[in-house]
Amino acid sequence: MAKGERPALDSYDRKILSRLQRNSETPVAEIAAEIGLTTTPCWRRIRKLEQRGYFKRRVVLLDEEKLNVGVSVFMAIRAGEHSREWSQAFVKATRDIPEIVDVFRLAGEIDYMLRVVVPDIATYDSVYQRLIEKVDIRDVSSMFAMETIRSSTELPLDYA
């Protein structure tokens, strides 16, 4: 095995990861029974997967509507410039604004795509103003999600 290469996952590992992606608080005994292992080997596999870095972190997914941030806005951003300093300032600015929940650097005509969660358009405008106060942006195009058809935190496991 080459340095940095991970051993391939077997079907038990994939089943464990699939179950934990749906609910990380599932008792080990329940996972073991579901996938056809006894508790101790299942627990050992979970520990190995965690030690090998397959888990980034364990989180609770909150309800946007109940928290009054049910409006998702996608911001397509063209950078003001392409220097290391600008990029660092941009990253810092996005980290300092809690309503910005996703930031992706893209290839193509758009440099960055952000997802912002807010209660309304006026609050989005406030987020926009805070961002442009911190960093010079050449162009921003905002798209408001009308409906969430599918949103998932579960990753496909067939490629591991």
Protein backbone atom coordinates (compact mmCIF):
# COMPACT_ATOMS: atom_id res chain seq x y z
CA MET A 1 0.00 0.00 0.00
CA ALA A 2 1.43 3.42 -0.98
CA LYS A 3 2.09 6.06 1.66
CA GLY A 4 -1.08 8.01 2.48
CA GLU A 5 -3.29 5.43 0.78
CA ARG A 6 -6.18 4.13 2.86
CA PRO A 7 -7.11 0.47 2.91
CA ALA A 8 -10.30 -0.20 0.96
CA LEU A 9 -13.55 -0.31 2.87
CA ASP A 10 -15.37 -3.62 2.95
CA SER A 11 -19.14 -4.08 2.92
CA TYR A 12 -19.35 -4.00 6.74
CA ASP A 13 -17.47 -0.69 6.88
CA ARG A 14 -19.74 0.81 4.23
CA LYS A 15 -22.85 -0.36 6.10
CA ILE A 16 -21.52 1.10 9.34
CA LEU A 17 -20.73 4.44 7.69
CA SER A 18 -24.11 4.51 5.97
CA ARG A 19 -25.92 3.95 9.26
CA LEU A 20 -23.82 6.52 11.14
CA GLN A 21 -24.41 9.12 8.41
CA ARG A 22 -28.13 8.81 9.00
CA ASN A 23 -27.83 8.96 12.79
CA SER A 24 -24.47 9.11 14.57
CA GLU A 25 -26.15 8.35 17.91
CA THR A 26 -27.32 4.90 16.84
CA PRO A 27 -26.26 2.40 19.52
CA VAL A 28 -23.45 0.07 18.47
CA ALA A 29 -25.58 -2.98 19.36
CA GLU A 30 -28.28 -1.78 16.95
CA ILE A 31 -25.78 -1.21 14.12
CA ALA A 32 -24.19 -4.61 14.80
CA ALA A 33 -27.55 -6.41 14.66
CA GLU A 34 -28.54 -4.56 11.50
CA ILE A 35 -25.37 -5.46 9.58
CA GLY A 36 -24.85 -8.99 10.93
CA LEU A 37 -21.97 -8.57 13.37
CA THR A 38 -21.70 -8.93 17.10
CA THR A 39 -21.27 -5.79 19.18
CA THR A 40 -17.53 -5.97 19.95
CA PRO A 41 -16.30 -6.42 16.34
CA CYS A 42 -18.69 -3.70 15.22
CA TRP A 43 -17.40 -1.33 17.91
CA ARG A 44 -13.79 -2.11 16.86
CA ARG A 45 -14.60 -1.31 13.25
CA ILE A 46 -16.18 2.00 14.24
CA ARG A 47 -13.08 2.92 16.28
CA LYS A 48 -10.78 1.98 13.35
CA LEU A 49 -12.86 4.06 10.92
CA GLU A 50 -12.65 7.00 13.30
CA GLN A 51 -8.89 6.56 13.83
CA ARG A 52 -8.34 6.34 10.06
CA GLY A 53 -10.01 9.74 9.68
CA TYR A 54 -13.31 8.81 8.05
CA PHE A 55 -15.23 10.95 10.56
CA LYS A 56 -14.70 14.71 10.29
CA ARG A 57 -16.92 15.36 13.30
CA ARG A 58 -20.26 14.37 14.81
CA VAL A 59 -22.97 17.02 14.63
CA VAL A 60 -26.65 17.65 15.16
CA LEU A 61 -28.57 19.00 12.15
CA LEU A 62 -30.89 21.79 13.24
CA ASP A 63 -34.21 22.84 11.71
CA GLU A 64 -33.80 26.09 9.74
CA GLU A 65 -37.49 27.01 9.98
CA LYS A 66 -37.64 26.62 13.75
CA LEU A 67 -34.50 28.76 14.04
CA ASN A 68 -36.00 31.42 11.73
CA VAL A 69 -33.33 31.07 9.03
CA GLY A 70 -35.47 29.36 6.41
CA VAL A 71 -34.40 31.53 3.48
CA SER A 72 -31.38 30.19 1.58
CA VAL A 73 -29.55 32.61 -0.68
CA PHE A 74 -26.83 31.51 -3.08
CA MET A 75 -24.24 34.18 -3.83
CA ALA A 76 -22.21 33.77 -7.03
CA ILE A 77 -19.12 35.92 -6.54
CA ARG A 78 -16.49 37.16 -8.94
CA ALA A 79 -13.36 38.13 -7.07
CA GLY A 80 -12.10 41.69 -6.86
CA GLU A 81 -8.62 40.36 -7.57
CA HIS A 82 -6.76 37.08 -7.48
CA SER A 83 -3.99 37.72 -4.98
CA ARG A 84 -3.14 35.66 -1.92
CA GLU A 85 -3.93 38.67 0.30
CA TRP A 86 -7.38 39.16 -1.22
CA SER A 87 -8.15 35.45 -0.94
CA GLN A 88 -7.11 35.37 2.73
CA ALA A 89 -9.21 38.47 3.49
CA PHE A 90 -12.19 36.91 1.70
CA VAL A 91 -11.90 33.63 3.60
CA LYS A 92 -11.64 35.50 6.90
CA ALA A 93 -14.64 37.68 6.04
CA THR A 94 -16.80 34.65 5.22
CA ARG A 95 -15.77 32.93 8.46
CA ASP A 96 -16.69 36.02 10.48
CA ILE A 97 -20.28 36.13 9.17
CA PRO A 98 -22.26 33.28 10.77
CA GLU A 99 -25.12 33.46 8.23
CA ILE A 100 -22.67 32.25 5.56
CA VAL A 101 -22.83 28.48 6.02
CA ASP A 102 -21.16 27.17 2.85
CA VAL A 103 -18.30 28.61 0.79
CA PHE A 104 -16.95 26.95 -2.35
CA ARG A 105 -14.09 28.13 -4.59
CA LEU A 106 -14.98 27.30 -8.18
CA ALA A 107 -13.35 26.91 -11.55
CA GLY A 108 -14.97 28.85 -14.38
CA GLU A 109 -16.57 32.27 -14.66
CA ILE A 110 -17.71 32.39 -11.04
CA ASP A 111 -14.93 32.37 -8.46
CA TYR A 112 -16.93 31.54 -5.31
CA MET A 113 -20.37 30.21 -4.45
CA LEU A 114 -21.75 30.94 -0.99
CA ARG A 115 -24.88 29.72 0.71
CA VAL A 116 -26.35 32.16 3.20
CA VAL A 117 -29.22 31.35 5.57
CA VAL A 118 -31.37 34.23 6.84
CA PRO A 119 -34.95 34.95 7.92
CA ASP A 120 -35.69 37.46 5.13
CA ILE A 121 -34.35 39.61 2.29
CA ALA A 122 -33.57 42.58 4.55
CA THR A 123 -31.32 40.39 6.69
CA TYR A 124 -29.65 39.06 3.55
CA ASP A 125 -28.93 42.66 2.51
CA SER A 126 -27.28 43.20 5.89
CA VAL A 127 -25.08 40.14 5.32
CA TYR A 128 -24.20 41.41 1.85
CA GLN A 129 -23.28 44.84 3.25
CA ARG A 130 -21.08 43.28 5.96
CA LEU A 131 -19.27 41.20 3.36
CA ILE A 132 -18.54 44.05 0.96
CA GLU A 133 -17.32 46.22 3.85
CA LYS A 134 -14.65 43.63 4.57
CA VAL A 135 -13.49 42.73 1.05
CA ASP A 136 -13.66 44.24 -2.44
CA ILE A 137 -15.83 42.11 -4.73
CA ARG A 138 -16.07 42.69 -8.47
CA ASP A 139 -19.52 41.19 -8.98
CA VAL A 140 -22.20 39.42 -6.94
CA SER A 141 -25.26 37.63 -8.24
CA SER A 142 -27.78 36.50 -5.62
CA MET A 143 -30.24 33.67 -6.12
CA PHE A 144 -33.00 32.95 -3.62
CA ALA A 145 -34.05 29.32 -3.18
CA MET A 146 -37.79 28.99 -3.69
CA GLU A 147 -37.96 25.38 -2.50
CA THR A 148 -35.54 22.78 -1.18
CA ILE A 149 -36.17 19.68 -3.24
CA ARG A 150 -33.26 17.64 -1.91
CA SER A 151 -30.57 18.40 0.63
CA SER A 152 -28.38 15.74 2.17
CA THR A 153 -25.33 15.41 4.36
CA GLU A 154 -24.94 11.73 3.37
CA LEU A 155 -22.02 11.02 1.06
CA PRO A 156 -22.03 8.21 -1.52
CA LEU A 157 -19.97 5.28 -0.26
CA ASP A 158 -19.59 3.29 -3.51
CA TYR A 159 -16.29 4.98 -4.36
CA ALA A 160 -14.45 4.33 -1.09
